[in-house]
Amino acid sequence: MKKNLVVIISFLSAFFSNGVYAQPTPITLLGSFNPAETGSLCGIGYDPGAARVWVYSCSSTNIYSYTPAGVLSTFFAKPGENANDVDVEMAPAQLTLKNITVPEGQLLFVNGESGVADIYAVDNVTGTVTQTLNTAFGSSHVVGGAYHPLRHTFFMVQDNVPSASLENMIAEVDPITGAVLQTFQITSNFSVSFGDLEVGANGNLFVVSSIEDSMAEFTPLGAYVKRHALPIGVTSLSGIAIDCVAGEAWVSSTNGTVYHLGQMPGGSTLSPVITAGGPTTFCKGGSVTLSVNAPGAVSYAWKKGSNFVAGATDQTYEADKSGSFSCLVSNACESVLSNKISVTANPKPEVDFTQAACSGGSVLLTRTGTPTTGVTYKWKLNNDNIGGATNATYAATTSGSYKVEVKITATGCKKVSPSQTVTINCKMGDPGISFTAEAYPNPFTNKVTIKTGGNLQQPLNAKLTDYCGRLIREYKSLDPATLLEINEPLLPGVYFVQLNAGYEVVKTLKIVRTE
C-alpha cells in the first residue's frame, strides 16, 4: 500500500513546465474520457484488435473495459488481493506464461501490492484466471509491468517508497519461471509514485509517474535515453498502454481521467524495402549484396522463398544462390515482410577431359561434362592459349600441362578444367603419314625459306642451331603447310634447321650462309 497519495502534482507540473525539462515534442492530446464507474485510476491496458480500453480503479474490486469513446463494454472481478500497486496489460504478442500459451490480446493483470509481484492471465470475456506466475521481484510496491515481444521477457517497475536500494527499480523477469534476469535503478533520472512502464516500437521502455510531468525513455539494459514532454493538461499519470502500430498511447491518471495521446515516440509503422547492390544474375560462385531499408526496425530475418535462412539476421544479406529473397523486419509491435528480389545464379559447365593413348606422335584430348551444345572451347598448354584449338577435342603433339576452358554462350559462365600432364612418347609410325622439307635458296645470303610437304596433321616446332649445335632461335606451333622464313642476322657459315613433331625429329636440314 502506498504510504500516501502525493498531493503536490500541481506544484511539480508548474515547476517542470517553467523550462526545466521543456523541449519540443510531437506528442499530442487526441481526446479523453472519465469513466463513471471508477475513481482514481491505477492501471490501464489497450487492446487494438478489439479497440477496447481496460482500466483498474485503485483498490477496486473490478476491472473495466470501455470503447475508445468511453462507453462501458464489460467488467469482472480483478484477481488477487485488494491493491493500488497494480497494472493492466494486454499481451502484445503470443507468449508463454509459466506453462501455458497466452494468445495475443489476452488480458494480463500485475498485482504488486504485497511481497513479490504476481502476473495473472485473465480471460477477456469471463474474467477467469487461466494462469498465475509468482515472480521473484518486488518489495510490495510493483506498480507496472509490460511484456517485451522482442526479448520475450517481462519488465516491471517498483515505485519510490521502498528503501534507497530498492526504490525506482526496474527488473526484467523470465515469464516461465518468474526469475529475475536483471535489475537497474532509474532514481537519478526519474521517480515513480503511482506509475507504469510500457515497451515502445523501438524496444525501449517508456516510464510514467504521477509525480512527473513527462515520460522517461530507457533502453532494456537500463541506459537513460531522454524525457518526452506530455501535452498540457495531461498530468498525474499512473498507467500507460502504447498502440505502437497507430503511433498512439492510452494513459490513465490518478485524477480518474483516461487520455488518448497521438504521435507517440519510439518508432513508426514499418515499410521495409530491399535493394540489390549489384547485378542479380551472375555465375555460380558469385553473389549480390541485398540490403533492407526499414527505419525503426529492431530485428531482421531473411527468407528464401517461404523459408527463413538460418543465421541471416543482419540488415544485409549476401545472396549466392538462385531464389526469391525477402526480409521480415520487426520492431516491438509489428513484423512486416518486405518486397521480393529474384536472384539467379547460373550454373557453370562441367569440365574435364580424357587422354587417349599416344598414337602417331600425338595424344587426343577429349572434353567431358555437360552441356555439350551452346558452348565454346579454349585449350591451354602451360597456361597459354593454343592458337586455333577451339574444338571439343585437341590432338596434343607437345608434352606439357594441358587445360580446357569451356564457356556457356548464353550466360557467359565459364570454367577451366583441372590441369593434366600429357606426355608424347610415341613416334609417327604410321606408313600412311608422309613428310618432306626443303630449304631454298641454299646457300643463301639474307634469308632462307623452309618449305614442307606431305600429310602431317600436327604442328611443328623448328630449332635453328649453329654448326656446334648451339640454339640460335626456336619457332613453335608451326602449321605444316606454312612456309617458314629465316632471316636472322647470321654470320657466314653452316647452320642446321631441326623440325620436330612432338618429341620426334622428323627432318633436319643443313643450310649455308654466304657473304
Protein backbone atom coordinates (compact mmCIF):
# COMPACT_ATOMS: atom_id res chain seq x y z
CA MET A 1 0.00 0.00 0.00
CA LYS A 2 1.27 3.49 -0.81
CA LYS A 3 2.34 5.48 2.25
CA ASN A 4 0.43 8.48 0.90
CA LEU A 5 -1.13 9.81 -2.26
CA VAL A 6 1.06 12.66 -3.42
CA VAL A 7 -0.79 16.00 -3.43
CA ILE A 8 1.88 18.22 -4.87
CA ILE A 9 1.17 17.42 -8.52
CA SER A 10 0.20 20.94 -9.44
CA PHE A 11 3.41 22.34 -7.97
CA LEU A 12 5.59 19.86 -9.81
CA SER A 13 3.73 20.45 -13.06
CA ALA A 14 4.28 24.19 -12.75
CA PHE A 15 7.95 23.64 -11.92
CA PHE A 16 8.70 21.42 -14.86
CA SER A 17 6.61 23.46 -17.31
CA ASN A 18 8.71 26.51 -16.49
CA GLY A 19 11.53 25.09 -18.55
CA VAL A 20 13.47 22.55 -16.52
CA TYR A 21 12.56 19.79 -18.94
CA ALA A 22 10.78 21.83 -21.62
CA GLN A 23 11.63 20.63 -25.11
CA PRO A 24 9.86 20.33 -28.44
CA THR A 25 7.76 17.20 -28.65
CA PRO A 26 5.33 15.79 -31.17
CA ILE A 27 3.09 14.16 -28.56
CA THR A 28 -0.46 15.45 -28.91
CA LEU A 29 -3.70 15.05 -26.96
CA LEU A 30 -6.31 13.32 -29.14
CA GLY A 31 -9.06 13.08 -26.54
CA SER A 32 -10.04 11.90 -23.08
CA PHE A 33 -12.90 10.46 -21.03
CA ASN A 34 -13.74 9.96 -17.36
CA PRO A 35 -15.24 6.52 -16.64
CA ALA A 36 -18.29 6.94 -14.46
CA GLU A 37 -17.75 3.59 -12.74
CA THR A 38 -14.23 4.32 -11.49
CA GLY A 39 -12.35 6.75 -9.33
CA SER A 40 -8.60 7.26 -9.12
CA LEU A 41 -7.05 5.01 -11.78
CA CYS A 42 -4.04 2.79 -11.06
CA GLY A 43 -3.63 0.82 -14.29
CA ILE A 44 -4.55 0.81 -17.98
CA GLY A 45 -4.25 -1.56 -20.96
CA TYR A 46 -5.34 -1.24 -24.59
CA ASP A 47 -6.39 -3.99 -26.97
CA PRO A 48 -6.00 -2.62 -30.53
CA GLY A 49 -7.58 -5.73 -32.04
CA ALA A 50 -10.86 -5.24 -30.18
CA ALA A 51 -10.47 -1.45 -29.80
CA ARG A 52 -11.04 -1.68 -26.04
CA VAL A 53 -9.50 0.31 -23.19
CA TRP A 54 -9.14 -1.68 -19.95
CA VAL A 55 -8.73 0.20 -16.66
CA TYR A 56 -8.44 -0.59 -12.99
CA SER A 57 -9.51 1.85 -10.30
CA CYS A 58 -7.22 1.91 -7.29
CA SER A 59 -8.25 -0.71 -4.72
CA SER A 60 -11.34 -1.55 -6.76
CA THR A 61 -12.89 -5.00 -6.92
CA ASN A 62 -13.40 -4.86 -10.70
CA ILE A 63 -11.53 -4.40 -13.98
CA TYR A 64 -13.50 -2.36 -16.54
CA SER A 65 -13.44 -2.31 -20.34
CA TYR A 66 -14.50 0.72 -22.42
CA THR A 67 -14.79 1.71 -26.04
CA PRO A 68 -12.39 4.48 -27.17
CA ALA A 69 -15.32 6.87 -26.72
CA GLY A 70 -15.64 5.93 -23.06
CA VAL A 71 -18.71 3.69 -23.28
CA LEU A 72 -18.65 0.82 -20.79
CA SER A 73 -18.24 -2.55 -22.52
CA THR A 74 -17.78 -5.13 -19.76
CA PHE A 75 -16.34 -5.66 -16.32
CA PHE A 76 -15.40 -8.52 -14.00
CA ALA A 77 -13.65 -9.11 -10.68
CA LYS A 78 -9.95 -8.50 -10.53
CA PRO A 79 -7.70 -11.40 -9.44
CA GLY A 80 -5.60 -11.37 -6.31
CA GLU A 81 -5.74 -9.18 -3.22
CA ASN A 82 -7.10 -5.67 -2.90
CA ALA A 83 -4.43 -3.38 -4.32
CA ASN A 84 -3.37 0.02 -5.63
CA ASP A 85 0.11 -1.13 -6.72
CA VAL A 86 -1.13 -2.84 -9.89
CA ASP A 87 -1.12 -2.73 -13.66
CA VAL A 88 -3.36 -3.84 -16.51
CA GLU A 89 -1.56 -5.15 -19.60
CA MET A 90 -2.70 -6.70 -22.88
CA ALA A 91 -0.42 -9.38 -24.35
CA PRO A 92 1.21 -7.61 -27.35
CA ALA A 93 2.13 -10.98 -28.87
CA GLN A 94 1.60 -14.66 -28.14
CA LEU A 95 3.66 -15.61 -25.12
CA THR A 96 4.24 -18.43 -22.66
CA LEU A 97 3.29 -17.69 -19.06
CA LYS A 98 4.61 -20.37 -16.71
CA ASN A 99 3.41 -23.40 -18.68
CA ILE A 100 0.52 -22.17 -20.83
CA THR A 101 0.30 -20.26 -24.09
CA VAL A 102 -1.27 -16.83 -23.76
CA PRO A 103 -2.63 -15.54 -27.08
CA GLU A 104 -2.03 -12.03 -28.36
CA GLY A 105 -4.60 -9.60 -26.96
CA GLN A 106 -5.33 -11.53 -23.75
CA LEU A 107 -5.64 -9.57 -20.53
CA LEU A 108 -2.75 -9.69 -18.05
CA PHE A 109 -3.08 -8.31 -14.54
CA VAL A 110 0.02 -7.44 -12.47
CA ASN A 111 -0.57 -7.31 -8.72
CA GLY A 112 2.42 -5.97 -6.83
CA GLU A 113 0.69 -4.93 -3.64
CA SER A 114 2.28 -7.36 -1.17
CA GLY A 115 5.64 -9.06 -1.30
CA VAL A 116 6.71 -10.13 -4.77
CA ALA A 117 4.56 -9.32 -7.78
CA ASP A 118 2.17 -11.82 -9.36
CA ILE A 119 1.13 -11.90 -13.02
CA TYR A 120 -2.33 -13.24 -13.83
CA ALA A 121 -3.55 -14.31 -17.30
CA VAL A 122 -7.26 -13.46 -17.43
CA ASP A 123 -9.93 -14.48 -19.94
CA ASN A 124 -11.16 -11.24 -21.55
CA VAL A 125 -14.79 -12.40 -21.64
CA THR A 126 -15.39 -14.36 -18.46
CA GLY A 127 -12.70 -12.94 -16.20
CA THR A 128 -11.49 -16.46 -15.44
CA VAL A 129 -7.84 -16.65 -14.36
CA THR A 130 -6.11 -19.14 -16.68
CA GLN A 131 -2.63 -18.93 -15.13
CA THR A 132 -0.74 -17.26 -12.29
CA LEU A 133 3.00 -16.58 -12.26
CA ASN A 134 4.57 -15.72 -8.92
CA THR A 135 7.65 -13.70 -9.81
CA ALA A 136 10.79 -13.25 -7.74
CA PHE A 137 10.67 -9.44 -7.98
CA GLY A 138 9.06 -6.88 -5.74
CA SER A 139 9.06 -5.33 -2.31
CA SER A 140 5.28 -4.76 -2.04
CA HIS A 141 5.45 -1.82 -4.44
CA VAL A 142 5.46 -3.07 -8.07
CA VAL A 143 3.20 -0.57 -9.87
CA GLY A 144 3.64 -1.51 -13.53
CA GLY A 145 4.67 -4.22 -15.95
CA ALA A 146 4.90 -4.95 -19.66
CA TYR A 147 5.80 -7.91 -21.86
CA HIS A 148 8.71 -7.31 -24.26
CA PRO A 149 7.88 -9.15 -27.52
CA LEU A 150 11.45 -8.95 -28.84
CA ARG A 151 13.19 -10.13 -25.68
CA HIS A 152 10.34 -12.50 -24.67
CA THR A 153 10.51 -11.29 -21.09
CA PHE A 154 8.50 -9.15 -18.65
CA PHE A 155 9.71 -5.79 -17.38
CA MET A 156 8.38 -4.50 -14.03
CA VAL A 157 8.83 -1.21 -12.23
CA GLN A 158 8.79 -0.58 -8.49
CA ASP A 159 7.81 2.81 -7.00
CA ASN A 160 9.87 5.19 -4.85
CA VAL A 161 8.52 4.03 -1.47
CA PRO A 162 10.97 1.17 -0.60
CA SER A 163 14.49 1.74 0.70
CA ALA A 164 17.01 3.69 -1.34
CA SER A 165 18.50 0.48 -2.70
CA LEU A 166 15.13 -0.74 -3.98
CA GLU A 167 13.24 2.40 -4.96
CA ASN A 168 12.53 3.15 -8.65
CA MET A 169 13.84 -0.29 -9.56
CA ILE A 170 13.13 -1.90 -12.93
CA ALA A 171 13.52 -5.67 -13.28
CA GLU A 172 13.49 -8.00 -16.26
CA VAL A 173 11.69 -11.24 -15.38
CA ASP A 174 11.51 -14.65 -17.01
CA PRO A 175 7.81 -15.25 -17.91
CA ILE A 176 8.17 -19.01 -17.48
CA THR A 177 10.00 -19.25 -14.15
CA GLY A 178 9.45 -15.79 -12.68
CA ALA A 179 13.19 -15.47 -12.05
CA VAL A 180 14.78 -12.02 -12.11
CA LEU A 181 17.15 -11.76 -15.07
CA GLN A 182 18.48 -8.24 -14.42
CA THR A 183 17.65 -5.07 -12.47
CA PHE A 184 18.55 -1.39 -12.75
CA GLN A 185 17.52 1.76 -10.91
CA ILE A 186 16.27 4.96 -12.57
CA THR A 187 16.31 7.21 -9.47
CA SER A 188 18.89 9.61 -10.91
CA ASN A 189 16.64 10.31 -13.91
CA PHE A 190 13.07 9.64 -12.85
CA SER A 191 10.95 8.99 -9.77
CA VAL A 192 7.90 6.74 -9.73
CA SER A 193 4.97 7.06 -7.35
CA PHE A 194 1.84 5.72 -8.98
CA GLY A 195 3.18 4.79 -12.39
CA ASP A 196 3.81 2.27 -15.08
CA LEU A 197 6.11 1.24 -17.92
CA GLU A 198 5.43 0.09 -21.47
CA VAL A 199 7.52 -1.20 -24.39
CA GLY A 200 7.74 1.15 -27.38
CA ALA A 201 8.03 0.18 -31.01
CA ASN A 202 11.80 0.69 -30.84
CA GLY A 203 12.06 -1.85 -28.00
CA ASN A 204 12.82 0.80 -25.37
CA LEU A 205 10.94 1.22 -22.09
CA PHE A 206 8.68 4.25 -21.58
CA VAL A 207 8.02 5.06 -17.92
CA VAL A 208 5.32 7.36 -16.49
CA SER A 209 4.75 8.56 -12.94
CA SER A 210 2.08 10.50 -11.08
CA ILE A 211 4.74 12.96 -9.82
CA GLU A 212 6.42 13.62 -13.17
CA ASP A 213 5.06 15.80 -16.00
CA SER A 214 6.95 13.87 -18.69
CA MET A 215 7.64 10.28 -19.59
CA ALA A 216 11.15 8.85 -19.46
CA GLU A 217 12.69 6.53 -22.04
CA PHE A 218 15.25 3.84 -21.16
CA THR A 219 16.87 1.03 -23.12
CA PRO A 220 16.10 -2.54 -21.99
CA LEU A 221 19.57 -2.61 -20.40
CA GLY A 222 18.89 0.48 -18.30
CA ALA A 223 20.58 3.26 -20.26
CA TYR A 224 18.73 6.57 -19.98
CA VAL A 225 17.65 7.92 -23.38
CA LYS A 226 15.59 11.09 -22.78
CA ARG A 227 12.41 12.59 -21.39
CA HIS A 228 9.36 13.21 -23.53
CA ALA A 229 7.13 16.13 -22.51
CA LEU A 230 3.43 15.45 -22.20
CA PRO A 231 0.70 17.64 -23.66
CA ILE A 232 -0.58 20.46 -21.46
CA GLY A 233 -3.20 19.21 -19.03
CA VAL A 234 -2.06 15.57 -19.08
CA THR A 235 -0.86 15.03 -15.53
CA SER A 236 -0.66 12.58 -12.63
CA LEU A 237 -0.14 9.54 -14.85
CA SER A 238 -0.49 6.13 -13.26
CA GLY A 239 -0.53 3.88 -16.32
CA ILE A 240 0.42 3.73 -19.99
CA ALA A 241 -0.62 1.43 -22.85
CA ILE A 242 1.06 2.00 -26.22
CA ASP A 243 -0.71 1.32 -29.52
CA CYS A 244 2.54 1.32 -31.43
CA VAL A 245 1.11 0.37 -34.84
CA ALA A 246 -1.00 3.53 -34.72
CA GLY A 247 1.78 5.51 -33.05
CA GLU A 248 -0.57 6.37 -30.17
CA ALA A 249 -0.94 5.69 -26.45
CA TRP A 250 -3.65 5.49 -23.81
CA VAL A 251 -2.68 6.75 -20.36
CA SER A 252 -4.52 6.74 -17.06
CA SER A 253 -4.40 9.35 -14.33
CA THR A 254 -4.87 9.29 -10.58
CA ASN A 255 -7.47 12.02 -11.16
CA GLY A 256 -9.65 9.39 -12.86
CA THR A 257 -9.13 10.54 -16.47
CA VAL A 258 -8.18 8.38 -19.44
CA TYR A 259 -6.15 10.33 -22.03
CA HIS A 260 -5.65 9.37 -25.67
CA LEU A 261 -2.26 10.58 -26.96
CA GLY A 262 -1.03 10.87 -30.54
CA GLN A 263 2.39 10.90 -32.20
CA MET A 264 3.85 8.64 -29.56
CA PRO A 265 7.68 8.48 -29.75
CA GLY A 266 9.56 5.24 -30.07
CA GLY A 267 9.05 4.20 -33.66
CA SER A 268 6.76 4.28 -36.64
CA THR A 269 4.96 1.86 -38.91
CA LEU A 270 7.46 -0.29 -40.79
CA SER A 271 7.71 -0.11 -44.59
CA PRO A 272 10.71 -2.29 -45.48
CA VAL A 273 12.22 -2.16 -48.97
CA ILE A 274 15.12 -4.32 -50.11
CA THR A 275 17.50 -3.36 -52.91
CA ALA A 276 20.38 -5.14 -54.63
CA GLY A 277 23.90 -3.77 -54.53
CA GLY A 278 24.77 -5.19 -57.95
CA PRO A 279 23.55 -7.49 -60.73
CA THR A 280 21.08 -10.11 -59.51
CA THR A 281 22.09 -12.52 -62.28
CA PHE A 282 25.58 -13.95 -62.11
CA CYS A 283 27.53 -17.17 -62.48
CA LYS A 284 27.69 -19.73 -59.70
CA GLY A 285 30.40 -18.73 -57.28
CA GLY A 286 29.37 -15.07 -57.42
CA SER A 287 26.95 -13.22 -55.16
CA VAL A 288 25.00 -10.00 -54.70
CA THR A 289 24.50 -7.98 -51.52
CA LEU A 290 20.85 -7.38 -50.62
CA SER A 291 20.09 -4.55 -48.20
CA VAL A 292 16.85 -3.73 -46.42
CA ASN A 293 15.87 -0.15 -45.64
CA ALA A 294 13.37 -0.13 -42.77
CA PRO A 295 13.55 2.88 -40.44
CA GLY A 296 12.53 1.85 -36.95
CA ALA A 297 13.28 -1.84 -37.42
CA VAL A 298 14.90 -3.62 -34.49
CA SER A 299 15.40 -7.10 -35.92
CA TYR A 300 15.75 -8.72 -39.35
CA ALA A 301 15.07 -12.22 -40.64
CA TRP A 302 15.85 -13.03 -44.30
CA LYS A 303 13.77 -15.51 -46.25
CA LYS A 304 14.43 -17.52 -49.39
CA GLY A 305 11.05 -18.33 -50.82
CA SER A 306 8.85 -19.26 -47.88
CA ASN A 307 11.70 -20.46 -45.64
CA PHE A 308 13.84 -18.43 -43.27
CA VAL A 309 17.60 -18.52 -43.92
CA ALA A 310 19.38 -19.81 -40.82
CA GLY A 311 21.56 -17.14 -39.21
CA ALA A 312 20.58 -14.39 -41.68
CA THR A 313 19.61 -11.70 -39.16
CA ASP A 314 21.61 -8.67 -40.30
CA GLN A 315 20.43 -5.64 -42.27
CA THR A 316 22.28 -7.01 -45.30
CA TYR A 317 22.42 -10.48 -46.82
CA GLU A 318 24.87 -11.93 -49.33
CA ALA A 319 22.79 -14.00 -51.76
CA ASP A 320 24.85 -16.55 -53.69
CA LYS A 321 22.10 -18.95 -54.76
CA SER A 322 19.09 -18.69 -57.05
CA GLY A 323 15.80 -17.83 -55.40
CA SER A 324 13.30 -15.17 -54.41
CA PHE A 325 14.54 -13.27 -51.36
CA SER A 326 12.67 -11.08 -48.88
CA CYS A 327 13.23 -9.82 -45.35
CA LEU A 328 10.88 -9.91 -42.37
CA VAL A 329 11.65 -6.85 -40.28
CA SER A 330 10.28 -6.31 -36.80
CA ASN A 331 10.02 -3.79 -34.04
CA ALA A 332 8.35 -4.33 -30.71
CA CYS A 333 4.84 -4.01 -32.12
CA GLU A 334 4.78 -5.45 -35.62
CA SER A 335 6.56 -7.62 -38.16
CA VAL A 336 6.36 -6.66 -41.85
CA LEU A 337 7.59 -8.59 -44.88
CA SER A 338 9.50 -6.61 -47.49
CA ASN A 339 9.26 -6.76 -51.26
CA LYS A 340 10.91 -9.69 -53.04
CA ILE A 341 14.00 -9.73 -55.25
CA SER A 342 14.75 -12.63 -57.58
CA VAL A 343 18.36 -13.77 -57.77
CA THR A 344 19.70 -16.08 -60.48
CA ALA A 345 23.00 -17.92 -60.04
CA ASN A 346 23.61 -19.50 -63.44
CA PRO A 347 25.48 -22.83 -63.37
CA LYS A 348 28.97 -23.21 -64.74
CA PRO A 349 29.66 -26.03 -67.20
CA GLU A 350 31.03 -29.34 -66.04
CA VAL A 351 34.52 -29.56 -67.43
CA ASP A 352 37.23 -32.18 -67.52
CA PHE A 353 38.94 -34.10 -70.29
CA THR A 354 40.29 -37.53 -71.07
CA GLN A 355 43.53 -38.61 -72.73
CA ALA A 356 43.62 -41.27 -75.41
CA ALA A 357 46.66 -43.47 -75.87
CA CYS A 358 49.54 -41.81 -77.67
CA SER A 359 49.34 -42.64 -81.37
CA GLY A 360 51.01 -41.28 -84.46
CA GLY A 361 53.02 -38.78 -82.45
CA SER A 362 50.01 -37.22 -80.66
CA VAL A 363 47.60 -37.73 -77.77
CA LEU A 364 43.91 -36.98 -78.41
CA LEU A 365 42.37 -34.91 -75.62
CA THR A 366 38.56 -35.01 -75.35
CA ARG A 367 36.48 -32.70 -73.13
CA THR A 368 33.92 -34.42 -70.89
CA GLY A 369 30.93 -33.00 -68.99
CA THR A 370 27.72 -31.14 -69.78
CA PRO A 371 26.37 -29.21 -71.55
CA THR A 372 27.73 -30.34 -74.89
CA THR A 373 25.89 -27.77 -77.03
CA GLY A 374 25.89 -24.00 -76.87
CA VAL A 375 29.44 -23.90 -75.55
CA THR A 376 32.84 -22.73 -76.76
CA TYR A 377 36.28 -24.14 -76.02
CA LYS A 378 39.80 -22.89 -75.41
CA TRP A 379 42.63 -25.40 -74.96
CA LYS A 380 45.68 -24.27 -73.00
CA LEU A 381 49.26 -25.55 -72.88
CA ASN A 382 51.25 -24.49 -69.82
CA ASN A 383 48.55 -21.83 -69.11
CA ASP A 384 48.86 -20.28 -72.58
CA ASN A 385 46.02 -20.43 -75.11
CA ILE A 386 46.78 -22.71 -78.08
CA GLY A 387 46.03 -20.89 -81.30
CA GLY A 388 43.09 -22.40 -83.21
CA ALA A 389 42.41 -25.04 -80.53
CA THR A 390 38.68 -24.30 -80.09
CA ASN A 391 37.02 -27.70 -80.55
CA ALA A 392 35.81 -30.31 -78.07
CA THR A 393 38.92 -32.36 -78.91
CA TYR A 394 42.58 -31.48 -79.40
CA ALA A 395 45.48 -33.57 -80.70
CA ALA A 396 48.38 -32.74 -78.40
CA THR A 397 51.80 -33.17 -80.00
CA THR A 398 53.88 -31.46 -77.34
CA SER A 399 54.35 -32.74 -73.83
CA GLY A 400 53.22 -30.36 -71.08
CA SER A 401 50.41 -29.31 -68.77
CA TYR A 402 47.04 -29.01 -70.53
CA LYS A 403 43.70 -27.46 -69.54
CA VAL A 404 40.50 -26.71 -71.36
CA GLU A 405 38.21 -23.73 -70.72
CA VAL A 406 34.52 -24.22 -71.52
CA LYS A 407 32.08 -21.29 -71.71
CA ILE A 408 28.30 -21.43 -71.99
CA THR A 409 27.49 -18.97 -74.76
CA ALA A 410 24.04 -17.92 -73.50
CA THR A 411 25.17 -16.90 -69.99
CA GLY A 412 28.89 -16.32 -70.35
CA CYS A 413 29.54 -18.65 -67.43
CA LYS A 414 32.82 -20.47 -67.87
CA LYS A 415 35.06 -22.87 -66.06
CA VAL A 416 38.58 -24.16 -66.56
CA SER A 417 39.30 -27.83 -66.06
CA PRO A 418 41.94 -29.17 -63.69
CA SER A 419 45.31 -29.41 -65.41
CA GLN A 420 46.63 -32.73 -66.68
CA THR A 421 50.15 -33.64 -67.64
CA VAL A 422 50.35 -35.01 -71.20
CA THR A 423 53.42 -36.93 -72.37
CA ILE A 424 54.09 -37.56 -76.05
CA ASN A 425 56.06 -40.80 -76.04
CA CYS A 426 55.13 -42.34 -79.35
CA LYS A 427 56.54 -41.94 -82.91
CA MET A 428 54.76 -41.30 -86.17
CA GLY A 429 55.00 -44.95 -87.18
CA ASP A 430 52.00 -44.85 -89.43
CA PRO A 431 53.20 -45.68 -93.00
CA GLY A 432 50.34 -43.59 -94.31
CA ILE A 433 51.96 -40.41 -92.99
CA SER A 434 54.44 -38.65 -95.28
CA PHE A 435 56.54 -35.55 -94.72
CA THR A 436 59.00 -33.59 -96.84
CA ALA A 437 61.01 -30.45 -96.20
CA GLU A 438 63.45 -28.42 -98.29
CA ALA A 439 65.35 -25.13 -97.91
CA TYR A 440 65.79 -22.56 -100.70
CA PRO A 441 67.84 -20.78 -101.79
CA ASN A 442 70.58 -22.80 -100.23
CA PRO A 443 73.24 -21.47 -99.88
CA PHE A 444 71.65 -18.04 -99.08
CA THR A 445 72.85 -14.53 -98.34
CA ASN A 446 69.99 -12.80 -96.45
CA LYS A 447 67.15 -15.24 -95.85
CA VAL A 448 66.22 -18.84 -96.45
CA THR A 449 62.70 -20.35 -96.79
CA ILE A 450 61.78 -23.76 -95.37
CA LYS A 451 59.04 -25.43 -97.39
CA THR A 452 57.32 -28.53 -96.03
CA GLY A 453 55.00 -31.03 -97.68
CA GLY A 454 53.13 -34.29 -97.06
CA ASN A 455 50.09 -35.08 -94.95
CA LEU A 456 51.38 -34.45 -91.41
CA GLN A 457 48.39 -33.17 -89.38
CA GLN A 458 50.12 -31.86 -86.28
CA PRO A 459 52.01 -28.64 -85.55
CA LEU A 460 55.76 -28.47 -85.97
CA ASN A 461 58.49 -26.93 -83.87
CA ALA A 462 61.72 -25.77 -85.56
CA LYS A 463 65.12 -25.16 -83.98
CA LEU A 464 67.86 -23.12 -85.69
CA THR A 465 71.31 -24.12 -84.42
CA ASP A 466 74.88 -23.36 -85.45
CA TYR A 467 77.40 -25.94 -86.59
CA CYS A 468 78.27 -26.77 -82.94
CA GLY A 469 74.62 -27.37 -82.00
CA ARG A 470 74.10 -24.09 -80.09
CA LEU A 471 70.47 -22.94 -80.25
CA ILE A 472 70.00 -19.61 -82.03
CA ARG A 473 66.20 -19.46 -82.21
CA GLU A 474 63.19 -21.72 -81.77
CA TYR A 475 59.96 -21.49 -83.81
CA LYS A 476 56.90 -23.09 -82.15
CA SER A 477 53.49 -24.38 -83.27
CA LEU A 478 54.08 -24.11 -86.98
CA ASP A 479 51.44 -25.26 -89.40
CA PRO A 480 52.99 -27.99 -91.57
CA ALA A 481 51.59 -26.26 -94.61
CA THR A 482 53.14 -22.89 -93.75
CA LEU A 483 56.41 -21.56 -95.21
CA LEU A 484 58.99 -20.68 -92.59
CA GLU A 485 61.26 -17.78 -93.45
CA ILE A 486 64.53 -17.50 -91.58
CA ASN A 487 66.10 -14.06 -91.88
CA GLU A 488 68.21 -13.94 -88.75
CA PRO A 489 71.37 -11.77 -88.90
CA LEU A 490 73.69 -14.79 -89.25
CA LEU A 491 77.40 -14.80 -89.88
CA PRO A 492 78.63 -16.76 -92.90
CA GLY A 493 78.81 -20.45 -92.08
CA VAL A 494 76.97 -23.73 -91.76
CA TYR A 495 73.66 -23.98 -89.78
CA PHE A 496 71.01 -26.61 -89.14
CA VAL A 497 67.20 -26.44 -89.04
CA GLN A 498 65.69 -29.27 -86.98
CA LEU A 499 61.96 -29.92 -87.50
CA ASN A 500 60.13 -31.70 -84.63
CA ALA A 501 56.62 -33.13 -84.25
CA GLY A 502 56.24 -33.58 -80.51
CA TYR A 503 59.36 -35.30 -79.25
CA GLU A 504 60.14 -36.80 -82.64
CA VAL A 505 62.63 -35.19 -85.01
CA VAL A 506 61.01 -35.52 -88.45
CA LYS A 507 63.60 -33.66 -90.52
CA THR A 508 66.96 -31.91 -90.18
CA LEU A 509 68.12 -29.52 -92.93
CA LYS A 510 71.61 -28.19 -93.43
CA ILE A 511 71.75 -24.56 -94.61
CA VAL A 512 74.75 -22.40 -95.59
CA ARG A 513 75.07 -18.64 -95.16
CA THR A 514 77.43 -16.97 -97.65
CA GLU A 515 78.88 -13.49 -97.75
